[in-house]
Amino acid sequence: MIKNIILDFGDVLINLDKPATAKAMVQHGFTEVTPNLESLFQDYEKGLITSTGFLDEVSEHFPNANRDYLTQAWNSILLDFPEERLQFIEQLAAENQYKMILLSNTNDLHMERVREQMGAERFNRFKNAFDVFYLSYEMGMRKPDTEIFDFVLQENQLTAEETFFVDDVKENTDSAASLGIKVWNLQVGQEDVNQLKSKL
């Protein structure tokens, strides 16, 4: 029996335009995510560097792009958070059948932008729908590393088999499933988190 629900944020609740940042940087010479950039992005998602440090390093790769442009390009991935999804998680929370946990790979700049886009009232509604709100950059860990799922299970005294995790990235759901967590690898554009109850 499922007692706990862990939800990803990007492309599960908030819509993303994943190629947007790369497209915005093409005019500044971006061609691909190099191992250096990949490592930088992961460090930033783990909160190992500050937003200032992150922008400093990105600036070294793209010296012709100013800070504002880099920040806008970085945040251009973030689209809307549909009201029906927000109402759905609020309804789930109100039913009080499940422990509700958010688990997102994200970073300080993105969350600052999400708060701006949503406004304080909607952002608080979103946050209040969850019992626990985990953001990778505050935890020093990121998906798909199994340590992050282990941490969430242990810190909240959850049983893996009673826990259901929803994420759009198969690598993340595979990692959770390896620990015995029940998973739904949501197919963006074909499925919606509002169908969650039919998957439990």
N, C-alpha and C. Protein backbone atom coordinates (compact mmCIF):
# COMPACT_ATOMS: atom_id res chain seq x y z
N MET A 1 0.83 -1.19 0.00
CA MET A 1 0.00 0.00 0.00
C MET A 1 0.88 1.26 0.00
N ILE A 2 0.57 2.17 -0.90
CA ILE A 2 1.36 3.40 -1.00
C ILE A 2 0.95 4.40 0.08
N LYS A 3 1.96 4.85 0.84
CA LYS A 3 1.70 5.83 1.90
C LYS A 3 2.40 7.16 1.65
N ASN A 4 3.40 7.13 0.74
CA ASN A 4 4.22 8.33 0.51
C ASN A 4 4.34 8.60 -0.99
N ILE A 5 4.21 9.86 -1.36
CA ILE A 5 4.36 10.25 -2.76
C ILE A 5 5.49 11.28 -2.85
N ILE A 6 6.47 10.97 -3.72
CA ILE A 6 7.58 11.90 -3.98
C ILE A 6 7.43 12.39 -5.42
N LEU A 7 7.33 13.71 -5.58
CA LEU A 7 7.17 14.28 -6.92
C LEU A 7 8.39 15.10 -7.31
N ASP A 8 8.79 14.93 -8.56
CA ASP A 8 9.76 15.82 -9.19
C ASP A 8 9.04 17.15 -9.48
N PHE A 9 9.79 18.18 -9.80
CA PHE A 9 9.20 19.49 -10.08
C PHE A 9 9.15 19.79 -11.58
N GLY A 10 10.33 19.86 -12.22
CA GLY A 10 10.40 20.23 -13.63
C GLY A 10 9.81 19.19 -14.56
N ASP A 11 8.89 19.63 -15.42
CA ASP A 11 8.19 18.79 -16.40
C ASP A 11 7.27 17.74 -15.77
N VAL A 12 7.11 17.80 -14.45
CA VAL A 12 6.07 17.02 -13.77
C VAL A 12 5.00 17.99 -13.27
N LEU A 13 5.45 19.07 -12.63
CA LEU A 13 4.53 20.12 -12.15
C LEU A 13 4.66 21.38 -12.99
N ILE A 14 5.88 21.92 -13.08
CA ILE A 14 6.10 23.12 -13.91
C ILE A 14 6.54 22.66 -15.30
N ASN A 15 6.05 23.33 -16.34
CA ASN A 15 6.47 23.01 -17.70
C ASN A 15 7.85 23.61 -17.96
N LEU A 16 8.66 22.85 -18.70
CA LEU A 16 10.01 23.30 -19.05
C LEU A 16 10.18 23.34 -20.57
N ASP A 17 11.08 24.21 -21.01
CA ASP A 17 11.54 24.20 -22.40
C ASP A 17 13.03 23.86 -22.32
N LYS A 18 13.32 22.56 -22.24
CA LYS A 18 14.69 22.13 -21.94
C LYS A 18 15.75 22.64 -22.93
N PRO A 19 15.45 22.76 -24.24
CA PRO A 19 16.50 23.26 -25.15
C PRO A 19 16.68 24.79 -25.13
N ALA A 20 15.84 25.51 -24.39
CA ALA A 20 15.81 26.99 -24.49
C ALA A 20 17.15 27.64 -24.16
N THR A 21 17.81 27.17 -23.11
CA THR A 21 19.07 27.79 -22.69
C THR A 21 20.14 27.61 -23.77
N ALA A 22 20.24 26.40 -24.31
CA ALA A 22 21.22 26.13 -25.38
C ALA A 22 20.95 27.03 -26.58
N LYS A 23 19.66 27.15 -26.95
CA LYS A 23 19.29 27.99 -28.11
C LYS A 23 19.70 29.44 -27.87
N ALA A 24 19.47 29.91 -26.64
CA ALA A 24 19.78 31.31 -26.32
C ALA A 24 21.28 31.57 -26.36
N MET A 25 22.09 30.52 -26.17
CA MET A 25 23.54 30.71 -26.10
C MET A 25 24.26 30.44 -27.42
N VAL A 26 23.53 29.96 -28.43
CA VAL A 26 24.16 29.65 -29.73
C VAL A 26 24.85 30.89 -30.30
N GLN A 27 24.17 32.04 -30.18
CA GLN A 27 24.75 33.28 -30.74
C GLN A 27 26.04 33.69 -30.03
N HIS A 28 26.28 33.10 -28.86
CA HIS A 28 27.52 33.39 -28.13
C HIS A 28 28.52 32.24 -28.26
N GLY A 29 28.30 31.38 -29.26
CA GLY A 29 29.29 30.36 -29.57
C GLY A 29 29.04 29.00 -28.94
N PHE A 30 27.88 28.84 -28.27
CA PHE A 30 27.60 27.53 -27.66
C PHE A 30 27.34 26.49 -28.74
N THR A 31 27.98 25.34 -28.63
CA THR A 31 27.73 24.25 -29.58
C THR A 31 27.28 22.97 -28.87
N GLU A 32 27.84 22.71 -27.70
CA GLU A 32 27.45 21.50 -26.98
C GLU A 32 27.82 21.64 -25.50
N VAL A 33 27.20 20.80 -24.68
CA VAL A 33 27.55 20.78 -23.26
C VAL A 33 28.83 19.95 -23.12
N THR A 34 29.92 20.63 -22.85
CA THR A 34 31.21 19.96 -22.69
C THR A 34 31.26 19.31 -21.30
N PRO A 35 32.19 18.37 -21.08
CA PRO A 35 32.33 17.77 -19.74
C PRO A 35 32.54 18.83 -18.65
N ASN A 36 33.28 19.90 -18.98
CA ASN A 36 33.50 20.99 -18.02
C ASN A 36 32.20 21.67 -17.63
N LEU A 37 31.38 21.98 -18.64
CA LEU A 37 30.10 22.64 -18.37
C LEU A 37 29.17 21.70 -17.61
N GLU A 38 29.15 20.44 -18.01
CA GLU A 38 28.29 19.45 -17.34
C GLU A 38 28.65 19.37 -15.85
N SER A 39 29.92 19.33 -15.58
CA SER A 39 30.40 19.26 -14.19
C SER A 39 30.01 20.54 -13.43
N LEU A 40 30.12 21.68 -14.10
CA LEU A 40 29.74 22.97 -13.49
C LEU A 40 28.26 22.98 -13.15
N PHE A 41 27.42 22.53 -14.10
CA PHE A 41 25.96 22.52 -13.88
C PHE A 41 25.61 21.61 -12.70
N GLN A 42 26.26 20.45 -12.65
CA GLN A 42 25.97 19.50 -11.56
C GLN A 42 26.42 20.06 -10.21
N ASP A 43 27.58 20.69 -10.18
CA ASP A 43 28.06 21.31 -8.94
C ASP A 43 27.09 22.39 -8.47
N TYR A 44 26.57 23.16 -9.42
CA TYR A 44 25.64 24.24 -9.07
C TYR A 44 24.32 23.65 -8.54
N GLU A 45 23.88 22.55 -9.17
CA GLU A 45 22.65 21.88 -8.69
C GLU A 45 22.84 21.28 -7.30
N LYS A 46 24.07 20.96 -6.96
CA LYS A 46 24.34 20.42 -5.61
C LYS A 46 24.64 21.53 -4.61
N GLY A 47 24.61 22.79 -5.07
CA GLY A 47 24.87 23.90 -4.17
C GLY A 47 26.33 24.00 -3.76
N LEU A 48 27.22 23.40 -4.56
CA LEU A 48 28.65 23.42 -4.22
C LEU A 48 29.28 24.76 -4.59
N ILE A 49 28.60 25.52 -5.45
CA ILE A 49 29.06 26.88 -5.77
C ILE A 49 27.87 27.84 -5.69
N THR A 50 28.16 29.09 -5.42
CA THR A 50 27.11 30.12 -5.32
C THR A 50 26.66 30.53 -6.72
N SER A 51 25.56 31.25 -6.78
CA SER A 51 25.09 31.78 -8.07
C SER A 51 26.13 32.72 -8.68
N THR A 52 26.77 33.53 -7.85
CA THR A 52 27.81 34.44 -8.34
C THR A 52 28.98 33.65 -8.92
N GLY A 53 29.41 32.63 -8.18
CA GLY A 53 30.50 31.77 -8.65
C GLY A 53 30.14 31.06 -9.94
N PHE A 54 28.90 30.61 -10.02
CA PHE A 54 28.40 29.92 -11.22
C PHE A 54 28.46 30.86 -12.42
N LEU A 55 27.91 32.07 -12.26
CA LEU A 55 27.90 33.04 -13.37
C LEU A 55 29.32 33.46 -13.75
N ASP A 56 30.20 33.55 -12.75
CA ASP A 56 31.62 33.86 -13.03
C ASP A 56 32.21 32.82 -13.98
N GLU A 57 31.96 31.54 -13.65
CA GLU A 57 32.54 30.47 -14.47
C GLU A 57 31.91 30.41 -15.85
N VAL A 58 30.59 30.59 -15.93
CA VAL A 58 29.92 30.56 -17.23
C VAL A 58 30.44 31.72 -18.10
N SER A 59 30.67 32.87 -17.46
CA SER A 59 31.19 34.05 -18.17
C SER A 59 32.54 33.77 -18.83
N GLU A 60 33.34 32.93 -18.17
CA GLU A 60 34.64 32.58 -18.75
C GLU A 60 34.49 31.79 -20.04
N HIS A 61 33.42 30.97 -20.10
CA HIS A 61 33.15 30.19 -21.32
C HIS A 61 32.55 31.07 -22.42
N PHE A 62 31.76 32.08 -22.00
CA PHE A 62 31.05 32.93 -22.97
C PHE A 62 31.30 34.41 -22.64
N PRO A 63 32.52 34.88 -22.91
CA PRO A 63 32.91 36.22 -22.46
C PRO A 63 32.10 37.36 -23.08
N ASN A 64 31.47 37.11 -24.23
CA ASN A 64 30.72 38.19 -24.89
C ASN A 64 29.29 38.35 -24.35
N ALA A 65 28.86 37.43 -23.52
CA ALA A 65 27.49 37.52 -22.97
C ALA A 65 27.55 38.20 -21.61
N ASN A 66 26.72 39.24 -21.42
CA ASN A 66 26.74 39.91 -20.11
C ASN A 66 25.94 39.11 -19.08
N ARG A 67 26.08 39.50 -17.82
CA ARG A 67 25.46 38.75 -16.70
C ARG A 67 23.95 38.62 -16.85
N ASP A 68 23.30 39.73 -17.21
CA ASP A 68 21.84 39.70 -17.34
C ASP A 68 21.41 38.71 -18.41
N TYR A 69 22.15 38.73 -19.52
CA TYR A 69 21.82 37.81 -20.62
C TYR A 69 22.01 36.36 -20.17
N LEU A 70 23.13 36.10 -19.50
CA LEU A 70 23.40 34.74 -19.02
C LEU A 70 22.30 34.26 -18.06
N THR A 71 21.87 35.15 -17.16
CA THR A 71 20.82 34.80 -16.20
C THR A 71 19.51 34.53 -16.92
N GLN A 72 19.17 35.41 -17.87
CA GLN A 72 17.92 35.21 -18.63
C GLN A 72 17.96 33.92 -19.44
N ALA A 73 19.11 33.67 -20.07
CA ALA A 73 19.26 32.44 -20.87
C ALA A 73 19.12 31.21 -19.97
N TRP A 74 19.76 31.25 -18.81
CA TRP A 74 19.71 30.14 -17.86
C TRP A 74 18.28 29.87 -17.40
N ASN A 75 17.52 30.95 -17.17
CA ASN A 75 16.15 30.81 -16.67
C ASN A 75 15.11 30.61 -17.77
N SER A 76 15.53 30.69 -19.04
CA SER A 76 14.55 30.59 -20.13
C SER A 76 13.94 29.19 -20.24
N ILE A 77 14.54 28.24 -19.57
CA ILE A 77 14.01 26.87 -19.52
C ILE A 77 12.66 26.81 -18.79
N LEU A 78 12.42 27.77 -17.89
CA LEU A 78 11.25 27.74 -17.01
C LEU A 78 10.02 28.32 -17.69
N LEU A 79 8.98 27.51 -17.81
CA LEU A 79 7.72 27.98 -18.40
C LEU A 79 6.67 28.14 -17.29
N ASP A 80 5.44 27.74 -17.57
CA ASP A 80 4.33 27.97 -16.63
C ASP A 80 4.09 26.77 -15.71
N PHE A 81 3.43 27.04 -14.61
CA PHE A 81 2.99 26.01 -13.67
C PHE A 81 1.45 26.02 -13.75
N PRO A 82 0.86 25.08 -14.54
CA PRO A 82 -0.59 25.12 -14.75
C PRO A 82 -1.39 25.05 -13.45
N GLU A 83 -2.42 25.87 -13.37
CA GLU A 83 -3.25 25.94 -12.17
C GLU A 83 -3.88 24.59 -11.83
N GLU A 84 -4.26 23.82 -12.87
CA GLU A 84 -4.92 22.53 -12.57
C GLU A 84 -3.96 21.56 -11.89
N ARG A 85 -2.66 21.67 -12.18
CA ARG A 85 -1.68 20.81 -11.48
C ARG A 85 -1.50 21.26 -10.03
N LEU A 86 -1.49 22.56 -9.84
CA LEU A 86 -1.37 23.09 -8.48
C LEU A 86 -2.58 22.67 -7.65
N GLN A 87 -3.77 22.78 -8.25
CA GLN A 87 -4.99 22.38 -7.54
C GLN A 87 -4.99 20.88 -7.25
N PHE A 88 -4.44 20.10 -8.20
CA PHE A 88 -4.39 18.65 -8.02
C PHE A 88 -3.53 18.27 -6.81
N ILE A 89 -2.34 18.90 -6.68
CA ILE A 89 -1.50 18.54 -5.52
C ILE A 89 -2.09 19.10 -4.22
N GLU A 90 -2.78 20.22 -4.31
CA GLU A 90 -3.45 20.75 -3.12
C GLU A 90 -4.56 19.80 -2.66
N GLN A 91 -5.30 19.23 -3.64
CA GLN A 91 -6.36 18.28 -3.34
C GLN A 91 -5.79 17.01 -2.70
N LEU A 92 -4.69 16.52 -3.29
CA LEU A 92 -4.01 15.34 -2.72
C LEU A 92 -3.60 15.60 -1.27
N ALA A 93 -3.04 16.77 -1.03
CA ALA A 93 -2.61 17.13 0.32
C ALA A 93 -3.80 17.20 1.27
N ALA A 94 -4.92 17.77 0.78
CA ALA A 94 -6.12 17.94 1.61
C ALA A 94 -6.71 16.59 2.01
N GLU A 95 -6.58 15.59 1.12
CA GLU A 95 -7.12 14.25 1.41
C GLU A 95 -6.35 13.57 2.55
N ASN A 96 -5.10 14.01 2.74
CA ASN A 96 -4.30 13.56 3.89
C ASN A 96 -4.09 12.05 3.93
N GLN A 97 -4.04 11.43 2.75
CA GLN A 97 -3.82 9.98 2.67
C GLN A 97 -2.34 9.64 2.54
N TYR A 98 -1.59 10.60 2.02
CA TYR A 98 -0.18 10.33 1.69
C TYR A 98 0.72 11.40 2.30
N LYS A 99 1.93 10.98 2.66
CA LYS A 99 2.97 11.97 2.99
C LYS A 99 3.45 12.51 1.65
N MET A 100 3.44 13.82 1.50
CA MET A 100 3.76 14.46 0.21
C MET A 100 5.16 15.08 0.28
N ILE A 101 6.02 14.66 -0.67
CA ILE A 101 7.40 15.14 -0.68
C ILE A 101 7.75 15.64 -2.08
N LEU A 102 8.36 16.82 -2.15
CA LEU A 102 8.90 17.31 -3.42
C LEU A 102 10.40 17.00 -3.42
N LEU A 103 10.91 16.52 -4.57
CA LEU A 103 12.35 16.24 -4.69
C LEU A 103 12.81 16.72 -6.06
N SER A 104 13.49 17.87 -6.08
CA SER A 104 13.83 18.50 -7.35
C SER A 104 15.33 18.75 -7.48
N ASN A 105 15.87 18.39 -8.66
CA ASN A 105 17.21 18.85 -9.03
C ASN A 105 17.04 20.27 -9.53
N THR A 106 17.49 21.24 -8.77
CA THR A 106 17.34 22.62 -9.20
C THR A 106 18.46 23.46 -8.60
N ASN A 107 18.36 24.75 -8.76
CA ASN A 107 19.42 25.65 -8.32
C ASN A 107 18.82 26.97 -7.87
N ASP A 108 19.64 27.77 -7.23
CA ASP A 108 19.20 29.01 -6.62
C ASP A 108 18.57 29.98 -7.64
N LEU A 109 19.23 30.17 -8.79
CA LEU A 109 18.70 31.11 -9.80
C LEU A 109 17.34 30.66 -10.31
N HIS A 110 17.19 29.36 -10.55
CA HIS A 110 15.90 28.86 -11.05
C HIS A 110 14.80 29.05 -10.01
N MET A 111 15.08 28.75 -8.76
CA MET A 111 14.03 28.87 -7.74
C MET A 111 13.66 30.32 -7.48
N GLU A 112 14.63 31.21 -7.58
CA GLU A 112 14.35 32.64 -7.44
C GLU A 112 13.39 33.08 -8.55
N ARG A 113 13.66 32.59 -9.77
CA ARG A 113 12.81 32.93 -10.93
C ARG A 113 11.42 32.32 -10.79
N VAL A 114 11.34 31.10 -10.30
CA VAL A 114 10.03 30.44 -10.10
C VAL A 114 9.20 31.25 -9.11
N ARG A 115 9.83 31.70 -8.03
CA ARG A 115 9.10 32.51 -7.04
C ARG A 115 8.58 33.80 -7.66
N GLU A 116 9.39 34.42 -8.51
CA GLU A 116 8.97 35.65 -9.21
C GLU A 116 7.80 35.37 -10.14
N GLN A 117 7.94 34.32 -10.95
CA GLN A 117 6.90 33.99 -11.94
C GLN A 117 5.58 33.62 -11.28
N MET A 118 5.65 32.85 -10.20
CA MET A 118 4.43 32.38 -9.55
C MET A 118 3.80 33.44 -8.65
N GLY A 119 4.64 34.30 -8.10
CA GLY A 119 4.15 35.25 -7.10
C GLY A 119 4.11 34.56 -5.74
N ALA A 120 4.19 35.35 -4.69
CA ALA A 120 4.32 34.81 -3.33
C ALA A 120 3.14 33.90 -2.96
N GLU A 121 1.93 34.31 -3.31
CA GLU A 121 0.75 33.54 -2.89
C GLU A 121 0.72 32.15 -3.53
N ARG A 122 0.92 32.09 -4.85
CA ARG A 122 0.89 30.79 -5.54
C ARG A 122 2.08 29.92 -5.11
N PHE A 123 3.25 30.56 -4.94
CA PHE A 123 4.42 29.78 -4.52
C PHE A 123 4.18 29.15 -3.15
N ASN A 124 3.57 29.91 -2.25
CA ASN A 124 3.27 29.37 -0.91
C ASN A 124 2.24 28.25 -0.98
N ARG A 125 1.26 28.39 -1.86
CA ARG A 125 0.28 27.30 -2.05
C ARG A 125 1.01 26.03 -2.50
N PHE A 126 1.94 26.19 -3.43
CA PHE A 126 2.74 25.07 -3.95
C PHE A 126 3.55 24.43 -2.82
N LYS A 127 4.27 25.25 -2.08
CA LYS A 127 5.15 24.73 -1.02
C LYS A 127 4.33 24.08 0.09
N ASN A 128 3.19 24.68 0.42
CA ASN A 128 2.36 24.18 1.52
C ASN A 128 1.64 22.87 1.20
N ALA A 129 1.60 22.51 -0.08
CA ALA A 129 0.97 21.23 -0.47
C ALA A 129 1.86 20.04 -0.07
N PHE A 130 3.13 20.33 0.26
CA PHE A 130 4.08 19.26 0.58
C PHE A 130 4.43 19.26 2.06
N ASP A 131 4.59 18.05 2.59
CA ASP A 131 5.07 17.90 3.97
C ASP A 131 6.55 18.23 4.05
N VAL A 132 7.28 17.84 2.99
CA VAL A 132 8.72 18.09 2.94
C VAL A 132 9.05 18.57 1.53
N PHE A 133 9.95 19.54 1.46
CA PHE A 133 10.26 20.23 0.20
C PHE A 133 11.77 20.17 0.01
N TYR A 134 12.24 19.22 -0.81
CA TYR A 134 13.67 19.02 -0.99
C TYR A 134 14.16 19.60 -2.31
N LEU A 135 15.15 20.49 -2.23
CA LEU A 135 15.78 21.06 -3.42
C LEU A 135 17.25 20.66 -3.40
N SER A 136 17.72 20.12 -4.52
CA SER A 136 19.07 19.53 -4.57
C SER A 136 20.15 20.49 -4.07
N TYR A 137 20.04 21.77 -4.45
CA TYR A 137 21.12 22.70 -4.10
C TYR A 137 21.16 23.02 -2.61
N GLU A 138 20.07 22.72 -1.91
CA GLU A 138 20.06 22.90 -0.45
C GLU A 138 20.53 21.62 0.27
N MET A 139 20.54 20.51 -0.48
CA MET A 139 20.86 19.21 0.12
C MET A 139 22.30 18.78 -0.11
N GLY A 140 22.94 19.36 -1.14
CA GLY A 140 24.29 18.93 -1.50
C GLY A 140 24.31 17.59 -2.21
N MET A 141 23.15 17.20 -2.75
CA MET A 141 23.01 15.93 -3.48
C MET A 141 22.09 16.17 -4.67
N ARG A 142 22.15 15.26 -5.65
CA ARG A 142 21.24 15.39 -6.78
C ARG A 142 20.86 14.00 -7.31
N LYS A 143 19.69 13.94 -7.95
CA LYS A 143 19.29 12.72 -8.66
C LYS A 143 20.18 12.61 -9.90
N PRO A 144 20.53 11.44 -10.39
CA PRO A 144 20.02 10.12 -10.00
C PRO A 144 20.85 9.40 -8.93
N ASP A 145 21.76 10.08 -8.24
CA ASP A 145 22.59 9.40 -7.24
C ASP A 145 21.69 8.75 -6.17
N THR A 146 21.92 7.47 -5.90
CA THR A 146 21.04 6.77 -4.96
C THR A 146 21.10 7.37 -3.56
N GLU A 147 22.20 8.07 -3.24
CA GLU A 147 22.33 8.65 -1.89
C GLU A 147 21.18 9.61 -1.58
N ILE A 148 20.66 10.30 -2.61
CA ILE A 148 19.59 11.28 -2.36
C ILE A 148 18.29 10.56 -1.99
N PHE A 149 18.03 9.42 -2.64
CA PHE A 149 16.82 8.66 -2.32
C PHE A 149 16.95 7.98 -0.95
N ASP A 150 18.14 7.45 -0.69
CA ASP A 150 18.42 6.87 0.63
C ASP A 150 18.18 7.90 1.74
N PHE A 151 18.68 9.10 1.51
CA PHE A 151 18.55 10.18 2.48
C PHE A 151 17.07 10.49 2.74
N VAL A 152 16.29 10.62 1.67
CA VAL A 152 14.86 10.95 1.82
C VAL A 152 14.13 9.83 2.58
N LEU A 153 14.42 8.58 2.24
CA LEU A 153 13.79 7.45 2.94
C LEU A 153 14.15 7.45 4.42
N GLN A 154 15.44 7.59 4.70
CA GLN A 154 15.90 7.49 6.10
C GLN A 154 15.44 8.68 6.94
N GLU A 155 15.59 9.89 6.37
CA GLU A 155 15.25 11.08 7.15
C GLU A 155 13.76 11.11 7.52
N ASN A 156 12.93 10.54 6.63
CA ASN A 156 11.47 10.57 6.87
C ASN A 156 10.93 9.23 7.36
N GLN A 157 11.85 8.27 7.62
CA GLN A 157 11.48 6.93 8.10
C GLN A 157 10.42 6.30 7.20
N LEU A 158 10.72 6.31 5.89
CA LEU A 158 9.80 5.74 4.90
C LEU A 158 10.25 4.34 4.52
N THR A 159 9.29 3.51 4.19
CA THR A 159 9.58 2.19 3.62
C THR A 159 9.53 2.34 2.10
N ALA A 160 10.57 1.87 1.43
CA ALA A 160 10.67 2.04 -0.03
C ALA A 160 9.43 1.52 -0.75
N GLU A 161 8.96 0.33 -0.34
CA GLU A 161 7.82 -0.32 -1.03
C GLU A 161 6.51 0.44 -0.83
N GLU A 162 6.46 1.32 0.16
CA GLU A 162 5.25 2.11 0.42
C GLU A 162 5.36 3.51 -0.18
N THR A 163 6.43 3.71 -0.99
CA THR A 163 6.73 5.04 -1.51
C THR A 163 6.65 5.04 -3.03
N PHE A 164 6.02 6.07 -3.59
CA PHE A 164 5.80 6.18 -5.04
C PHE A 164 6.46 7.47 -5.53
N PHE A 165 7.35 7.32 -6.52
CA PHE A 165 8.14 8.46 -7.02
C PHE A 165 7.82 8.73 -8.49
N VAL A 166 7.55 10.01 -8.80
CA VAL A 166 7.23 10.41 -10.17
C VAL A 166 8.31 11.36 -10.69
N ASP A 167 8.89 11.01 -11.85
CA ASP A 167 9.93 11.85 -12.46
C ASP A 167 9.88 11.63 -13.97
N ASP A 168 10.21 12.66 -14.73
CA ASP A 168 10.19 12.52 -16.20
C ASP A 168 11.51 11.96 -16.74
N VAL A 169 12.53 11.87 -15.89
CA VAL A 169 13.85 11.39 -16.35
C VAL A 169 14.02 9.93 -15.94
N LYS A 170 14.18 9.05 -16.94
CA LYS A 170 14.23 7.61 -16.67
C LYS A 170 15.40 7.22 -15.77
N GLU A 171 16.51 7.89 -15.94
CA GLU A 171 17.70 7.63 -15.09
C GLU A 171 17.34 7.81 -13.61
N ASN A 172 16.49 8.80 -13.33
CA ASN A 172 16.10 9.08 -11.94
C ASN A 172 15.14 8.02 -11.40
N THR A 173 14.15 7.64 -12.22
CA THR A 173 13.20 6.62 -11.75
C THR A 173 13.89 5.26 -11.64
N ASP A 174 14.84 4.97 -12.54
CA ASP A 174 15.58 3.70 -12.46
C ASP A 174 16.37 3.62 -11.15
N SER A 175 16.99 4.75 -10.79
CA SER A 175 17.78 4.79 -9.55
C SER A 175 16.89 4.55 -8.33
N ALA A 176 15.74 5.21 -8.30
CA ALA A 176 14.81 5.03 -7.18
C ALA A 176 14.29 3.60 -7.13
N ALA A 177 13.98 3.05 -8.31
CA ALA A 177 13.44 1.69 -8.38
C ALA A 177 14.46 0.67 -7.88
N SER A 178 15.76 0.96 -8.06
CA SER A 178 16.80 0.03 -7.60
C SER A 178 16.80 -0.11 -6.08
N LEU A 179 16.18 0.85 -5.39
CA LEU A 179 16.08 0.79 -3.93
C LEU A 179 14.75 0.21 -3.46
N GLY A 180 13.90 -0.18 -4.44
CA GLY A 180 12.61 -0.76 -4.08
C GLY A 180 11.45 0.23 -4.08
N ILE A 181 11.74 1.49 -4.43
CA ILE A 181 10.69 2.51 -4.52
C ILE A 181 9.85 2.24 -5.77
N LYS A 182 8.54 2.38 -5.65
CA LYS A 182 7.66 2.26 -6.81
C LYS A 182 7.79 3.54 -7.62
N VAL A 183 7.80 3.42 -8.95
CA VAL A 183 8.06 4.62 -9.76
C VAL A 183 7.11 4.74 -10.95
N TRP A 184 7.00 5.96 -11.40
CA TRP A 184 6.31 6.28 -12.66
C TRP A 184 7.23 7.23 -13.42
N ASN A 185 7.77 6.75 -14.54
CA ASN A 185 8.57 7.59 -15.42
C ASN A 185 7.60 8.30 -16.37
N LEU A 186 7.18 9.48 -15.96
CA LEU A 186 6.14 10.22 -16.69
C LEU A 186 6.64 10.66 -18.06
N GLN A 187 5.86 10.38 -19.10
CA GLN A 187 6.22 10.76 -20.47
C GLN A 187 5.64 12.14 -20.77
N VAL A 188 6.52 13.13 -20.84
CA VAL A 188 6.10 14.52 -21.02
C VAL A 188 5.38 14.68 -22.36
N GLY A 189 4.23 15.35 -22.31
CA GLY A 189 3.45 15.59 -23.53
C GLY A 189 2.45 14.48 -23.81
N GLN A 190 2.66 13.31 -23.20
CA GLN A 190 1.72 12.19 -23.39
C GLN A 190 0.95 11.88 -22.12
N GLU A 191 1.54 12.19 -20.98
CA GLU A 191 0.91 11.90 -19.69
C GLU A 191 0.95 13.15 -18.83
N ASP A 192 0.13 13.16 -17.79
CA ASP A 192 0.11 14.31 -16.88
C ASP A 192 0.03 13.81 -15.45
N VAL A 193 0.66 14.55 -14.55
CA VAL A 193 0.67 14.17 -13.14
C VAL A 193 -0.75 14.04 -12.57
N ASN A 194 -1.71 14.71 -13.20
CA ASN A 194 -3.12 14.61 -12.75
C ASN A 194 -3.65 13.17 -12.86
N GLN A 195 -2.95 12.32 -13.63
CA GLN A 195 -3.35 10.91 -13.78
C GLN A 195 -2.75 10.03 -12.67
N LEU A 196 -2.11 10.64 -11.71
CA LEU A 196 -1.34 9.92 -10.69
C LEU A 196 -2.12 8.79 -10.02
N LYS A 197 -3.36 9.05 -9.64
CA LYS A 197 -4.10 8.05 -8.87
C LYS A 197 -4.31 6.75 -9.63
N SER A 198 -4.39 6.86 -10.96
CA SER A 198 -4.57 5.64 -11.77
C SER A 198 -3.28 4.84 -11.85
N LYS A 199 -2.16 5.43 -11.43
CA LYS A 199 -0.85 4.76 -11.49
C LYS A 199 -0.47 4.11 -10.16
N LEU A 200 -1.12 4.54 -9.09
CA LEU A 200 -0.74 4.05 -7.76
C LEU A 200 -1.09 2.58 -7.57
